[in-house]
């Protein structure tokens, strides 16, 4: 079994570290190879004479030809695109496991490839002194293994994207709507729930657009943010870049939190409305958020949903089961096509 990658990206860490965990747990050789021909944010697994492609792109569009592989796993998979050989990767989280161990398993060709140097530095950055996305802060063993009650505390820490930084008309328009929702959501939550932690990453663009809801700069750092999630019960989320779910929902689930989100238009296995999340009617419906939160606060419903979500996360996105579940799907699919 060999995992081939050209560019080591933040998006691929979920797969890479889950593969490492699986190999260590089952006393197998960790075999990750540098393959320049593989497209950016893609990975190829060769196992049991099968070629299995992983597409971690933000976009719902396929980054390569599905027909070129025996099986195709995709993040941001539209429901209409799912097929007998095409499977969802559910929520993507840049999670990790023993970064120094991973580095010891990687060959110099992979480590020294120019596109891989950013993630190499992040993996080496033990104390987050150099980067804001050290792999060590994402180690899945730091996430809780049970749900705690923080009295219904609420969080929505987000950021704005400058529409002018994208040349495409559709993406500019999408970012404008996304920014409007995020600003309105922060203000509405703040006005209805005084103790909620909401706000925008304090970059120059956000300072101009919404100076009244900026986060404290120290609290907006990734390490502090991830650590703080253990203190919240309800997380609000919306679509990320290119209408992908982003990483926020996965982080909430791994912390056993209830979720209020804009509509999920992608395939997510066994993740159902009301049991796992509350869904707004559309991607502009910020005014509906207080009602959704109130429903979760009634009779501590947030605790029940949080428990459901922690169990779901441990089954579907934690390295505890992430790669082994993929292998099970591969095995079952192989039997179906014999």
C-alpha atoms as a PDB file:
ATOM      1  CA  UNK A   1       0.000   0.000   0.000  1.00  0.00           C
ATOM      2  CA  UNK A   2       1.505   3.306  -1.106  1.00  0.00           C
ATOM      3  CA  UNK A   3       0.215   6.893  -0.867  1.00  0.00           C
ATOM      4  CA  UNK A   4       1.463   9.207  -3.636  1.00  0.00           C
ATOM      5  CA  UNK A   5       1.403  13.000  -3.409  1.00  0.00           C
ATOM      6  CA  UNK A   6       2.955  15.842  -5.385  1.00  0.00           C
ATOM      7  CA  UNK A   7       2.217  18.882  -3.239  1.00  0.00           C
ATOM      8  CA  UNK A   8       1.930  18.593   0.534  1.00  0.00           C
ATOM      9  CA  UNK A   9      -0.920  20.988   1.358  1.00  0.00           C
ATOM     10  CA  UNK A  10      -2.874  21.834   4.504  1.00  0.00           C
ATOM     11  CA  UNK A  11      -5.915  20.180   2.912  1.00  0.00           C
ATOM     12  CA  UNK A  12      -4.116  16.830   2.626  1.00  0.00           C
ATOM     13  CA  UNK A  13      -3.001  16.621   6.262  1.00  0.00           C
ATOM     14  CA  UNK A  14      -6.266  14.946   7.216  1.00  0.00           C
ATOM     15  CA  UNK A  15      -5.479  12.049   4.896  1.00  0.00           C
ATOM     16  CA  UNK A  16      -1.721  11.932   5.495  1.00  0.00           C
ATOM     17  CA  UNK A  17      -1.882  11.834   9.281  1.00  0.00           C
ATOM     18  CA  UNK A  18      -4.818   9.409   9.325  1.00  0.00           C
ATOM     19  CA  UNK A  19      -2.780   7.116   7.075  1.00  0.00           C
ATOM     20  CA  UNK A  20       0.185   7.450   9.455  1.00  0.00           C
ATOM     21  CA  UNK A  21      -2.016   6.591  12.453  1.00  0.00           C
ATOM     22  CA  UNK A  22      -3.469   3.562  10.674  1.00  0.00           C
ATOM     23  CA  UNK A  23      -0.029   2.241   9.694  1.00  0.00           C
ATOM     24  CA  UNK A  24       1.388   2.699  13.185  1.00  0.00           C
ATOM     25  CA  UNK A  25      -1.632   1.120  14.846  1.00  0.00           C
ATOM     26  CA  UNK A  26      -1.488  -1.913  12.542  1.00  0.00           C
ATOM     27  CA  UNK A  27       2.322  -2.131  12.492  1.00  0.00           C
ATOM     28  CA  UNK A  28       2.534  -1.455   8.756  1.00  0.00           C
ATOM     29  CA  UNK A  29       5.135   0.434   6.790  1.00  0.00           C
ATOM     30  CA  UNK A  30       4.242   4.084   6.194  1.00  0.00           C
ATOM     31  CA  UNK A  31       4.884   4.439   2.481  1.00  0.00           C
ATOM     32  CA  UNK A  32       4.390   8.003   1.210  1.00  0.00           C
ATOM     33  CA  UNK A  33       5.993   8.828  -2.119  1.00  0.00           C
ATOM     34  CA  UNK A  34       6.589  12.045  -3.998  1.00  0.00           C
ATOM     35  CA  UNK A  35       4.867  11.932  -7.390  1.00  0.00           C
ATOM     36  CA  UNK A  36       5.042  15.265  -9.298  1.00  0.00           C
ATOM     37  CA  UNK A  37       2.395  14.216 -11.844  1.00  0.00           C
ATOM     38  CA  UNK A  38      -0.418  14.237  -9.284  1.00  0.00           C
ATOM     39  CA  UNK A  39      -2.595  17.356  -9.330  1.00  0.00           C
ATOM     40  CA  UNK A  40      -2.531  19.948  -6.507  1.00  0.00           C
ATOM     41  CA  UNK A  41      -4.711  18.971  -3.489  1.00  0.00           C
ATOM     42  CA  UNK A  42      -4.922  15.444  -4.840  1.00  0.00           C
ATOM     43  CA  UNK A  43      -3.457  12.131  -3.648  1.00  0.00           C
ATOM     44  CA  UNK A  44      -3.304   8.644  -5.099  1.00  0.00           C
ATOM     45  CA  UNK A  45      -3.533   5.475  -3.031  1.00  0.00           C
ATOM     46  CA  UNK A  46      -2.433   2.217  -4.615  1.00  0.00           C
ATOM     47  CA  UNK A  47      -3.783  -0.752  -2.700  1.00  0.00           C
ATOM     48  CA  UNK A  48      -4.815  -4.302  -3.676  1.00  0.00           C
ATOM     49  CA  UNK A  49      -4.103  -3.555  -7.353  1.00  0.00           C
ATOM     50  CA  UNK A  50      -6.552  -0.657  -7.247  1.00  0.00           C
ATOM     51  CA  UNK A  51      -5.931   3.029  -7.934  1.00  0.00           C
ATOM     52  CA  UNK A  52      -7.877   5.246  -5.541  1.00  0.00           C
ATOM     53  CA  UNK A  53      -7.834   9.021  -5.990  1.00  0.00           C
ATOM     54  CA  UNK A  54      -8.506  11.601  -3.268  1.00  0.00           C
ATOM     55  CA  UNK A  55      -9.714  15.079  -4.238  1.00  0.00           C
ATOM     56  CA  UNK A  56      -9.430  17.600  -1.377  1.00  0.00           C
ATOM     57  CA  UNK A  57     -10.173  20.691  -3.459  1.00  0.00           C
ATOM     58  CA  UNK A  58     -12.504  23.370  -2.037  1.00  0.00           C
ATOM     59  CA  UNK A  59     -14.384  23.379  -5.322  1.00  0.00           C
ATOM     60  CA  UNK A  60     -17.268  20.998  -6.123  1.00  0.00           C
ATOM     61  CA  UNK A  61     -15.677  20.549  -9.550  1.00  0.00           C
ATOM     62  CA  UNK A  62     -13.531  17.451 -10.009  1.00  0.00           C
ATOM     63  CA  UNK A  63      -9.827  18.276 -10.243  1.00  0.00           C
ATOM     64  CA  UNK A  64      -9.074  15.331 -12.538  1.00  0.00           C
ATOM     65  CA  UNK A  65     -10.854  12.628 -14.544  1.00  0.00           C
ATOM     66  CA  UNK A  66     -12.782  10.201 -12.341  1.00  0.00           C
ATOM     67  CA  UNK A  67     -12.679   7.532 -15.046  1.00  0.00           C
ATOM     68  CA  UNK A  68      -8.888   7.325 -14.793  1.00  0.00           C
ATOM     69  CA  UNK A  69      -9.157   5.591 -11.389  1.00  0.00           C
ATOM     70  CA  UNK A  70     -10.890   2.577  -9.916  1.00  0.00           C
ATOM     71  CA  UNK A  71     -12.401   4.690  -7.108  1.00  0.00           C
ATOM     72  CA  UNK A  72     -12.642   8.423  -6.472  1.00  0.00           C
ATOM     73  CA  UNK A  73     -13.097  10.096  -3.060  1.00  0.00           C
ATOM     74  CA  UNK A  74     -13.981  13.790  -3.038  1.00  0.00           C
ATOM     75  CA  UNK A  75     -14.373  16.593  -0.569  1.00  0.00           C
ATOM     76  CA  UNK A  76     -17.203  19.037  -1.437  1.00  0.00           C
ATOM     77  CA  UNK A  77     -18.973  16.334  -3.431  1.00  0.00           C
ATOM     78  CA  UNK A  78     -22.305  17.439  -4.861  1.00  0.00           C
ATOM     79  CA  UNK A  79     -25.168  15.041  -4.244  1.00  0.00           C
ATOM     80  CA  UNK A  80     -25.804  14.866  -7.989  1.00  0.00           C
ATOM     81  CA  UNK A  81     -22.195  13.738  -8.610  1.00  0.00           C
ATOM     82  CA  UNK A  82     -22.180  10.795  -6.231  1.00  0.00           C
ATOM     83  CA  UNK A  83     -21.944   7.451  -7.992  1.00  0.00           C
ATOM     84  CA  UNK A  84     -21.049   3.765  -7.517  1.00  0.00           C
ATOM     85  CA  UNK A  85     -17.326   4.595  -7.727  1.00  0.00           C
ATOM     86  CA  UNK A  86     -17.443   8.129  -6.317  1.00  0.00           C
ATOM     87  CA  UNK A  87     -17.575   8.715  -2.555  1.00  0.00           C
ATOM     88  CA  UNK A  88     -17.620  11.754  -0.240  1.00  0.00           C
ATOM     89  CA  UNK A  89     -14.758  12.660   2.081  1.00  0.00           C
ATOM     90  CA  UNK A  90     -17.216  14.372   4.427  1.00  0.00           C
ATOM     91  CA  UNK A  91     -15.774  17.288   6.421  1.00  0.00           C
ATOM     92  CA  UNK A  92     -12.115  18.154   5.971  1.00  0.00           C
ATOM     93  CA  UNK A  93     -10.066  19.141   9.033  1.00  0.00           C
ATOM     94  CA  UNK A  94      -6.295  19.843   8.968  1.00  0.00           C
ATOM     95  CA  UNK A  95      -5.862  17.334  11.781  1.00  0.00           C
ATOM     96  CA  UNK A  96      -2.548  15.735  12.732  1.00  0.00           C
ATOM     97  CA  UNK A  97      -0.870  12.951  14.708  1.00  0.00           C
ATOM     98  CA  UNK A  98       2.753  12.914  15.898  1.00  0.00           C
ATOM     99  CA  UNK A  99       4.234  15.333  13.307  1.00  0.00           C
ATOM    100  CA  UNK A 100       7.838  14.412  14.152  1.00  0.00           C
ATOM    101  CA  UNK A 101       7.031  10.748  13.596  1.00  0.00           C
ATOM    102  CA  UNK A 102       5.621  11.607  10.173  1.00  0.00           C
ATOM    103  CA  UNK A 103       8.751  13.551   9.257  1.00  0.00           C
ATOM    104  CA  UNK A 104      10.878  10.540  10.167  1.00  0.00           C
ATOM    105  CA  UNK A 105       8.890   8.445   7.673  1.00  0.00           C
ATOM    106  CA  UNK A 106       9.157  10.845   4.721  1.00  0.00           C
ATOM    107  CA  UNK A 107      11.968  10.612   2.196  1.00  0.00           C
ATOM    108  CA  UNK A 108      14.217  13.577   1.454  1.00  0.00           C
ATOM    109  CA  UNK A 109      12.839  13.835  -2.092  1.00  0.00           C
ATOM    110  CA  UNK A 110       9.386  14.514  -0.646  1.00  0.00           C
ATOM    111  CA  UNK A 111      10.575  16.852   2.118  1.00  0.00           C
ATOM    112  CA  UNK A 112      12.817  18.975  -0.078  1.00  0.00           C
ATOM    113  CA  UNK A 113      10.386  19.466  -2.947  1.00  0.00           C
ATOM    114  CA  UNK A 114       9.853  23.224  -3.124  1.00  0.00           C
ATOM    115  CA  UNK A 115       5.994  23.114  -2.934  1.00  0.00           C
ATOM    116  CA  UNK A 116       6.208  21.040   0.277  1.00  0.00           C
ATOM    117  CA  UNK A 117       8.350  23.403   2.318  1.00  0.00           C
ATOM    118  CA  UNK A 118       5.485  25.327   3.930  1.00  0.00           C
ATOM    119  CA  UNK A 119       4.011  22.196   5.495  1.00  0.00           C
ATOM    120  CA  UNK A 120       7.503  21.004   6.409  1.00  0.00           C
ATOM    121  CA  UNK A 121       8.037  24.174   8.437  1.00  0.00           C
ATOM    122  CA  UNK A 122       4.607  23.797  10.046  1.00  0.00           C
ATOM    123  CA  UNK A 123       5.410  20.206  11.014  1.00  0.00           C
ATOM    124  CA  UNK A 124       8.722  21.311  12.564  1.00  0.00           C
ATOM    125  CA  UNK A 125       7.158  24.249  14.422  1.00  0.00           C
ATOM    126  CA  UNK A 126       6.649  22.468  17.757  1.00  0.00           C
ATOM    127  CA  UNK A 127       5.591  25.529  19.769  1.00  0.00           C
ATOM    128  CA  UNK A 128       3.865  27.612  17.062  1.00  0.00           C
ATOM    129  CA  UNK A 129       6.655  30.178  17.220  1.00  0.00           C
ATOM    130  CA  UNK A 130       7.065  30.455  13.464  1.00  0.00           C
ATOM    131  CA  UNK A 131       3.626  29.828  11.936  1.00  0.00           C
ATOM    132  CA  UNK A 132      -0.053  30.214  12.806  1.00  0.00           C
ATOM    133  CA  UNK A 133      -0.813  26.684  11.584  1.00  0.00           C
ATOM    134  CA  UNK A 134       1.688  24.445  13.342  1.00  0.00           C
ATOM    135  CA  UNK A 135       0.739  20.805  12.867  1.00  0.00           C
ATOM    136  CA  UNK A 136       1.240  20.223  16.572  1.00  0.00           C
ATOM    137  CA  UNK A 137      -1.811  22.285  17.553  1.00  0.00           C
ATOM    138  CA  UNK A 138      -4.015  20.037  15.398  1.00  0.00           C
ATOM    139  CA  UNK A 139      -2.992  16.721  17.006  1.00  0.00           C
ATOM    140  CA  UNK A 140      -6.274  14.824  17.335  1.00  0.00           C
ATOM    141  CA  UNK A 141      -5.310  13.511  20.770  1.00  0.00           C
ATOM    142  CA  UNK A 142      -5.843  17.042  22.125  1.00  0.00           C
ATOM    143  CA  UNK A 143      -9.543  16.979  21.274  1.00  0.00           C
ATOM    144  CA  UNK A 144     -11.986  15.929  24.057  1.00  0.00           C
ATOM    145  CA  UNK A 145     -13.327  12.383  24.315  1.00  0.00           C
ATOM    146  CA  UNK A 146     -16.541  13.411  26.049  1.00  0.00           C
ATOM    147  CA  UNK A 147     -19.033  16.271  25.951  1.00  0.00           C
ATOM    148  CA  UNK A 148     -18.892  18.909  28.666  1.00  0.00           C
ATOM    149  CA  UNK A 149     -21.605  21.416  29.599  1.00  0.00           C
ATOM    150  CA  UNK A 150     -20.601  25.060  29.270  1.00  0.00           C
ATOM    151  CA  UNK A 151     -24.126  26.325  29.943  1.00  0.00           C
ATOM    152  CA  UNK A 152     -25.028  26.771  26.292  1.00  0.00           C
ATOM    153  CA  UNK A 153     -22.115  29.041  25.345  1.00  0.00           C
ATOM    154  CA  UNK A 154     -21.986  30.174  21.704  1.00  0.00           C
ATOM    155  CA  UNK A 155     -19.137  30.887  19.287  1.00  0.00           C
ATOM    156  CA  UNK A 156     -18.795  32.243  15.753  1.00  0.00           C
ATOM    157  CA  UNK A 157     -15.280  33.472  14.991  1.00  0.00           C
ATOM    158  CA  UNK A 158     -14.856  34.058  11.292  1.00  0.00           C
ATOM    159  CA  UNK A 159     -13.184  36.231   8.673  1.00  0.00           C
ATOM    160  CA  UNK A 160     -13.990  38.269   5.585  1.00  0.00           C
ATOM    161  CA  UNK A 161     -12.580  37.725   2.097  1.00  0.00           C
ATOM    162  CA  UNK A 162     -11.836  40.776  -0.020  1.00  0.00           C
ATOM    163  CA  UNK A 163     -13.858  40.325  -3.256  1.00  0.00           C
ATOM    164  CA  UNK A 164     -11.332  42.425  -5.178  1.00  0.00           C
ATOM    165  CA  UNK A 165      -8.647  39.798  -4.631  1.00  0.00           C
ATOM    166  CA  UNK A 166     -10.440  37.463  -7.043  1.00  0.00           C
ATOM    167  CA  UNK A 167     -10.677  38.122 -10.759  1.00  0.00           C
ATOM    168  CA  UNK A 168     -13.836  36.096 -11.463  1.00  0.00           C
ATOM    169  CA  UNK A 169     -17.225  37.839 -11.378  1.00  0.00           C
ATOM    170  CA  UNK A 170     -19.052  34.871  -9.819  1.00  0.00           C
ATOM    171  CA  UNK A 171     -16.511  34.454  -7.035  1.00  0.00           C
ATOM    172  CA  UNK A 172     -16.530  38.203  -6.314  1.00  0.00           C
ATOM    173  CA  UNK A 173     -20.307  38.123  -6.033  1.00  0.00           C
ATOM    174  CA  UNK A 174     -20.187  35.021  -3.832  1.00  0.00           C
ATOM    175  CA  UNK A 175     -17.648  36.612  -1.483  1.00  0.00           C
ATOM    176  CA  UNK A 176     -19.722  39.780  -1.178  1.00  0.00           C
ATOM    177  CA  UNK A 177     -22.758  37.743  -0.113  1.00  0.00           C
ATOM    178  CA  UNK A 178     -20.639  35.614   2.214  1.00  0.00           C
ATOM    179  CA  UNK A 179     -19.155  38.694   3.872  1.00  0.00           C
ATOM    180  CA  UNK A 180     -22.572  40.262   4.294  1.00  0.00           C
ATOM    181  CA  UNK A 181     -23.886  37.125   5.997  1.00  0.00           C
ATOM    182  CA  UNK A 182     -20.903  36.903   8.341  1.00  0.00           C
ATOM    183  CA  UNK A 183     -21.175  40.529   9.407  1.00  0.00           C
ATOM    184  CA  UNK A 184     -24.940  40.285   9.962  1.00  0.00           C
ATOM    185  CA  UNK A 185     -24.603  36.958  11.803  1.00  0.00           C
ATOM    186  CA  UNK A 186     -21.991  38.343  14.203  1.00  0.00           C
ATOM    187  CA  UNK A 187     -24.080  41.415  14.969  1.00  0.00           C
ATOM    188  CA  UNK A 188     -27.325  39.472  15.433  1.00  0.00           C
ATOM    189  CA  UNK A 189     -25.755  36.864  17.718  1.00  0.00           C
ATOM    190  CA  UNK A 190     -23.984  39.560  19.726  1.00  0.00           C
ATOM    191  CA  UNK A 191     -27.189  41.531  20.227  1.00  0.00           C
ATOM    192  CA  UNK A 192     -29.236  38.483  21.285  1.00  0.00           C
ATOM    193  CA  UNK A 193     -26.672  36.564  23.353  1.00  0.00           C
ATOM    194  CA  UNK A 194     -24.435  38.954  25.246  1.00  0.00           C
ATOM    195  CA  UNK A 195     -21.959  36.310  26.439  1.00  0.00           C
ATOM    196  CA  UNK A 196     -21.410  34.788  22.983  1.00  0.00           C
ATOM    197  CA  UNK A 197     -17.961  35.032  21.447  1.00  0.00           C
ATOM    198  CA  UNK A 198     -18.387  36.354  17.925  1.00  0.00           C
ATOM    199  CA  UNK A 199     -16.306  38.480  15.622  1.00  0.00           C
ATOM    200  CA  UNK A 200     -14.047  38.864  12.622  1.00  0.00           C
ATOM    201  CA  UNK A 201     -10.354  38.234  12.172  1.00  0.00           C
ATOM    202  CA  UNK A 202      -8.883  41.749  12.486  1.00  0.00           C
ATOM    203  CA  UNK A 203      -7.212  42.166   9.112  1.00  0.00           C
ATOM    204  CA  UNK A 204      -7.176  45.491   7.274  1.00  0.00           C
ATOM    205  CA  UNK A 205     -10.197  44.672   5.120  1.00  0.00           C
ATOM    206  CA  UNK A 206     -12.361  43.712   8.142  1.00  0.00           C
ATOM    207  CA  UNK A 207     -11.284  46.831  10.019  1.00  0.00           C
ATOM    208  CA  UNK A 208     -12.775  48.926   7.215  1.00  0.00           C
ATOM    209  CA  UNK A 209     -15.942  46.861   6.750  1.00  0.00           C
ATOM    210  CA  UNK A 210     -17.017  46.132  10.338  1.00  0.00           C
ATOM    211  CA  UNK A 211     -14.817  47.718  13.018  1.00  0.00           C
ATOM    212  CA  UNK A 212     -17.476  47.097  15.698  1.00  0.00           C
ATOM    213  CA  UNK A 213     -17.132  43.289  15.636  1.00  0.00           C
ATOM    214  CA  UNK A 214     -13.394  42.648  15.422  1.00  0.00           C
ATOM    215  CA  UNK A 215     -11.867  39.857  17.494  1.00  0.00           C
ATOM    216  CA  UNK A 216      -8.992  40.441  19.858  1.00  0.00           C
ATOM    217  CA  UNK A 217      -5.865  39.650  17.855  1.00  0.00           C
ATOM    218  CA  UNK A 218      -4.564  37.132  20.410  1.00  0.00           C
ATOM    219  CA  UNK A 219      -7.874  35.251  20.509  1.00  0.00           C
ATOM    220  CA  UNK A 220      -7.978  35.070  16.714  1.00  0.00           C
ATOM    221  CA  UNK A 221      -4.753  33.057  16.495  1.00  0.00           C
ATOM    222  CA  UNK A 222      -5.372  29.437  15.511  1.00  0.00           C
ATOM    223  CA  UNK A 223      -3.752  27.883  18.584  1.00  0.00           C
ATOM    224  CA  UNK A 224      -5.786  30.015  20.994  1.00  0.00           C
ATOM    225  CA  UNK A 225      -8.960  29.529  18.965  1.00  0.00           C
ATOM    226  CA  UNK A 226      -8.741  25.723  18.900  1.00  0.00           C
ATOM    227  CA  UNK A 227      -7.998  25.597  22.609  1.00  0.00           C
ATOM    228  CA  UNK A 228     -10.975  27.858  23.344  1.00  0.00           C
ATOM    229  CA  UNK A 229     -13.488  25.638  21.518  1.00  0.00           C
ATOM    230  CA  UNK A 230     -13.589  23.325  24.537  1.00  0.00           C
ATOM    231  CA  UNK A 231     -15.373  26.167  26.349  1.00  0.00           C
ATOM    232  CA  UNK A 232     -18.308  26.341  23.937  1.00  0.00           C
ATOM    233  CA  UNK A 233     -21.426  24.252  23.295  1.00  0.00           C
ATOM    234  CA  UNK A 234     -22.933  25.759  20.133  1.00  0.00           C
ATOM    235  CA  UNK A 235     -21.001  26.736  17.023  1.00  0.00           C
ATOM    236  CA  UNK A 236     -22.342  28.772  14.111  1.00  0.00           C
ATOM    237  CA  UNK A 237     -20.958  28.097  10.628  1.00  0.00           C
ATOM    238  CA  UNK A 238     -21.474  29.029   7.004  1.00  0.00           C
ATOM    239  CA  UNK A 239     -20.101  28.019   3.613  1.00  0.00           C
ATOM    240  CA  UNK A 240     -16.393  28.517   3.053  1.00  0.00           C
ATOM    241  CA  UNK A 241     -14.479  29.279  -0.129  1.00  0.00           C
ATOM    242  CA  UNK A 242     -16.172  28.112  -3.324  1.00  0.00           C
ATOM    243  CA  UNK A 243     -19.211  27.122  -1.223  1.00  0.00           C
ATOM    244  CA  UNK A 244     -17.331  24.292   0.500  1.00  0.00           C
ATOM    245  CA  UNK A 245     -18.204  23.628   4.175  1.00  0.00           C
ATOM    246  CA  UNK A 246     -14.749  24.846   5.222  1.00  0.00           C
ATOM    247  CA  UNK A 247     -13.027  23.468   8.333  1.00  0.00           C
ATOM    248  CA  UNK A 248     -15.155  25.103  11.011  1.00  0.00           C
ATOM    249  CA  UNK A 249     -17.883  22.447  11.186  1.00  0.00           C
ATOM    250  CA  UNK A 250     -15.362  19.625  11.516  1.00  0.00           C
ATOM    251  CA  UNK A 251     -13.642  21.461  14.375  1.00  0.00           C
ATOM    252  CA  UNK A 252     -16.992  21.911  16.128  1.00  0.00           C
ATOM    253  CA  UNK A 253     -17.844  18.234  15.761  1.00  0.00           C
ATOM    254  CA  UNK A 254     -14.500  17.039  17.115  1.00  0.00           C
ATOM    255  CA  UNK A 255     -15.193  19.162  20.201  1.00  0.00           C
ATOM    256  CA  UNK A 256     -18.658  17.660  20.714  1.00  0.00           C
ATOM    257  CA  UNK A 257     -20.558  20.857  19.906  1.00  0.00           C
ATOM    258  CA  UNK A 258     -24.009  21.494  18.483  1.00  0.00           C
ATOM    259  CA  UNK A 259     -24.048  23.235  15.101  1.00  0.00           C
ATOM    260  CA  UNK A 260     -26.125  25.934  13.394  1.00  0.00           C
ATOM    261  CA  UNK A 261     -25.177  26.306   9.742  1.00  0.00           C
ATOM    262  CA  UNK A 262     -26.195  27.586   6.354  1.00  0.00           C
ATOM    263  CA  UNK A 263     -27.480  24.831   4.009  1.00  0.00           C
ATOM    264  CA  UNK A 264     -25.133  21.923   3.345  1.00  0.00           C
ATOM    265  CA  UNK A 265     -25.254  21.241  -0.377  1.00  0.00           C
ATOM    266  CA  UNK A 266     -22.694  18.448  -0.372  1.00  0.00           C
ATOM    267  CA  UNK A 267     -22.715  14.748   0.468  1.00  0.00           C
ATOM    268  CA  UNK A 268     -21.976  13.978   4.117  1.00  0.00           C
ATOM    269  CA  UNK A 269     -22.456  10.384   5.257  1.00  0.00           C
ATOM    270  CA  UNK A 270     -25.047   9.785   8.000  1.00  0.00           C
ATOM    271  CA  UNK A 271     -25.108  13.457   9.012  1.00  0.00           C
ATOM    272  CA  UNK A 272     -28.718  14.508   9.440  1.00  0.00           C
ATOM    273  CA  UNK A 273     -30.588  17.712  10.139  1.00  0.00           C
ATOM    274  CA  UNK A 274     -31.765  18.220  13.752  1.00  0.00           C
ATOM    275  CA  UNK A 275     -29.865  15.177  14.987  1.00  0.00           C
ATOM    276  CA  UNK A 276     -26.469  16.633  14.044  1.00  0.00           C
ATOM    277  CA  UNK A 277     -27.159  20.234  13.058  1.00  0.00           C
ATOM    278  CA  UNK A 278     -29.698  23.009  12.689  1.00  0.00           C
ATOM    279  CA  UNK A 279     -29.963  24.400   9.160  1.00  0.00           C
ATOM    280  CA  UNK A 280     -30.873  27.927   8.097  1.00  0.00           C
ATOM    281  CA  UNK A 281     -33.268  28.263   5.175  1.00  0.00           C
ATOM    282  CA  UNK A 282     -30.664  29.883   2.894  1.00  0.00           C
ATOM    283  CA  UNK A 283     -27.184  31.427   2.866  1.00  0.00           C
ATOM    284  CA  UNK A 284     -28.484  34.892   3.654  1.00  0.00           C
ATOM    285  CA  UNK A 285     -30.792  33.980   6.543  1.00  0.00           C
ATOM    286  CA  UNK A 286     -28.728  35.377   9.407  1.00  0.00           C
ATOM    287  CA  UNK A 287     -31.932  36.570  11.085  1.00  0.00           C
ATOM    288  CA  UNK A 288     -32.926  32.923  11.726  1.00  0.00           C
ATOM    289  CA  UNK A 289     -29.875  32.181  13.884  1.00  0.00           C
ATOM    290  CA  UNK A 290     -31.312  33.295  17.276  1.00  0.00           C
ATOM    291  CA  UNK A 291     -34.348  31.033  16.885  1.00  0.00           C
ATOM    292  CA  UNK A 292     -32.132  28.062  16.006  1.00  0.00           C
ATOM    293  CA  UNK A 293     -29.947  28.700  19.038  1.00  0.00           C
ATOM    294  CA  UNK A 294     -32.984  29.038  21.317  1.00  0.00           C
ATOM    295  CA  UNK A 295     -34.221  25.629  20.131  1.00  0.00           C
ATOM    296  CA  UNK A 296     -30.882  24.125  21.113  1.00  0.00           C
ATOM    297  CA  UNK A 297     -30.967  25.808  24.521  1.00  0.00           C
ATOM    298  CA  UNK A 298     -34.407  24.387  25.380  1.00  0.00           C
ATOM    299  CA  UNK A 299     -33.984  21.432  27.765  1.00  0.00           C
ATOM    300  CA  UNK A 300     -30.260  21.429  27.012  1.00  0.00           C
ATOM    301  CA  UNK A 301     -30.825  20.052  23.523  1.00  0.00           C
ATOM    302  CA  UNK A 302     -27.327  21.268  22.647  1.00  0.00           C
ATOM    303  CA  UNK A 303     -25.883  18.543  24.881  1.00  0.00           C
ATOM    304  CA  UNK A 304     -27.745  15.782  23.055  1.00  0.00           C
ATOM    305  CA  UNK A 305     -26.705  17.112  19.678  1.00  0.00           C
ATOM    306  CA  UNK A 306     -23.154  17.616  20.916  1.00  0.00           C
ATOM    307  CA  UNK A 307     -22.982  13.981  22.035  1.00  0.00           C
ATOM    308  CA  UNK A 308     -24.307  12.845  18.647  1.00  0.00           C
ATOM    309  CA  UNK A 309     -21.670  14.954  16.928  1.00  0.00           C
ATOM    310  CA  UNK A 310     -18.745  13.751  19.009  1.00  0.00           C
ATOM    311  CA  UNK A 311     -19.720  10.152  18.256  1.00  0.00           C
ATOM    312  CA  UNK A 312     -20.090  11.003  14.561  1.00  0.00           C
ATOM    313  CA  UNK A 313     -16.734  12.794  14.461  1.00  0.00           C
ATOM    314  CA  UNK A 314     -14.914   9.878  16.076  1.00  0.00           C
ATOM    315  CA  UNK A 315     -16.395   7.540  13.493  1.00  0.00           C
ATOM    316  CA  UNK A 316     -16.106   9.660  10.343  1.00  0.00           C
ATOM    317  CA  UNK A 317     -13.345  12.273  10.658  1.00  0.00           C
ATOM    318  CA  UNK A 318     -11.045  11.367  13.543  1.00  0.00           C
ATOM    319  CA  UNK A 319      -7.874   9.463  12.565  1.00  0.00           C
ATOM    320  CA  UNK A 320      -9.167   6.775  14.931  1.00  0.00           C
ATOM    321  CA  UNK A 321     -11.349   5.530  12.077  1.00  0.00           C
ATOM    322  CA  UNK A 322     -10.883   7.845   9.076  1.00  0.00           C
ATOM    323  CA  UNK A 323      -8.460   5.758   7.034  1.00  0.00           C
ATOM    324  CA  UNK A 324      -9.752   2.363   8.150  1.00  0.00           C
ATOM    325  CA  UNK A 325     -13.241   3.410   7.036  1.00  0.00           C
ATOM    326  CA  UNK A 326     -11.868   4.402   3.623  1.00  0.00           C
ATOM    327  CA  UNK A 327     -10.216   0.986   3.304  1.00  0.00           C
ATOM    328  CA  UNK A 328     -13.487  -0.704   4.222  1.00  0.00           C
ATOM    329  CA  UNK A 329     -15.294   1.208   1.452  1.00  0.00           C
ATOM    330  CA  UNK A 330     -12.536   0.215  -0.981  1.00  0.00           C
ATOM    331  CA  UNK A 331     -12.802  -3.434   0.033  1.00  0.00           C
ATOM    332  CA  UNK A 332     -16.611  -3.491  -0.286  1.00  0.00           C
ATOM    333  CA  UNK A 333     -16.497  -1.714  -3.641  1.00  0.00           C
ATOM    334  CA  UNK A 334     -13.898  -4.142  -4.947  1.00  0.00           C
ATOM    335  CA  UNK A 335     -16.115  -7.084  -4.033  1.00  0.00           C
ATOM    336  CA  UNK A 336     -19.084  -5.459  -5.767  1.00  0.00           C
ATOM    337  CA  UNK A 337     -17.178  -5.088  -9.028  1.00  0.00           C
ATOM    338  CA  UNK A 338     -15.734  -8.622  -9.150  1.00  0.00           C
END
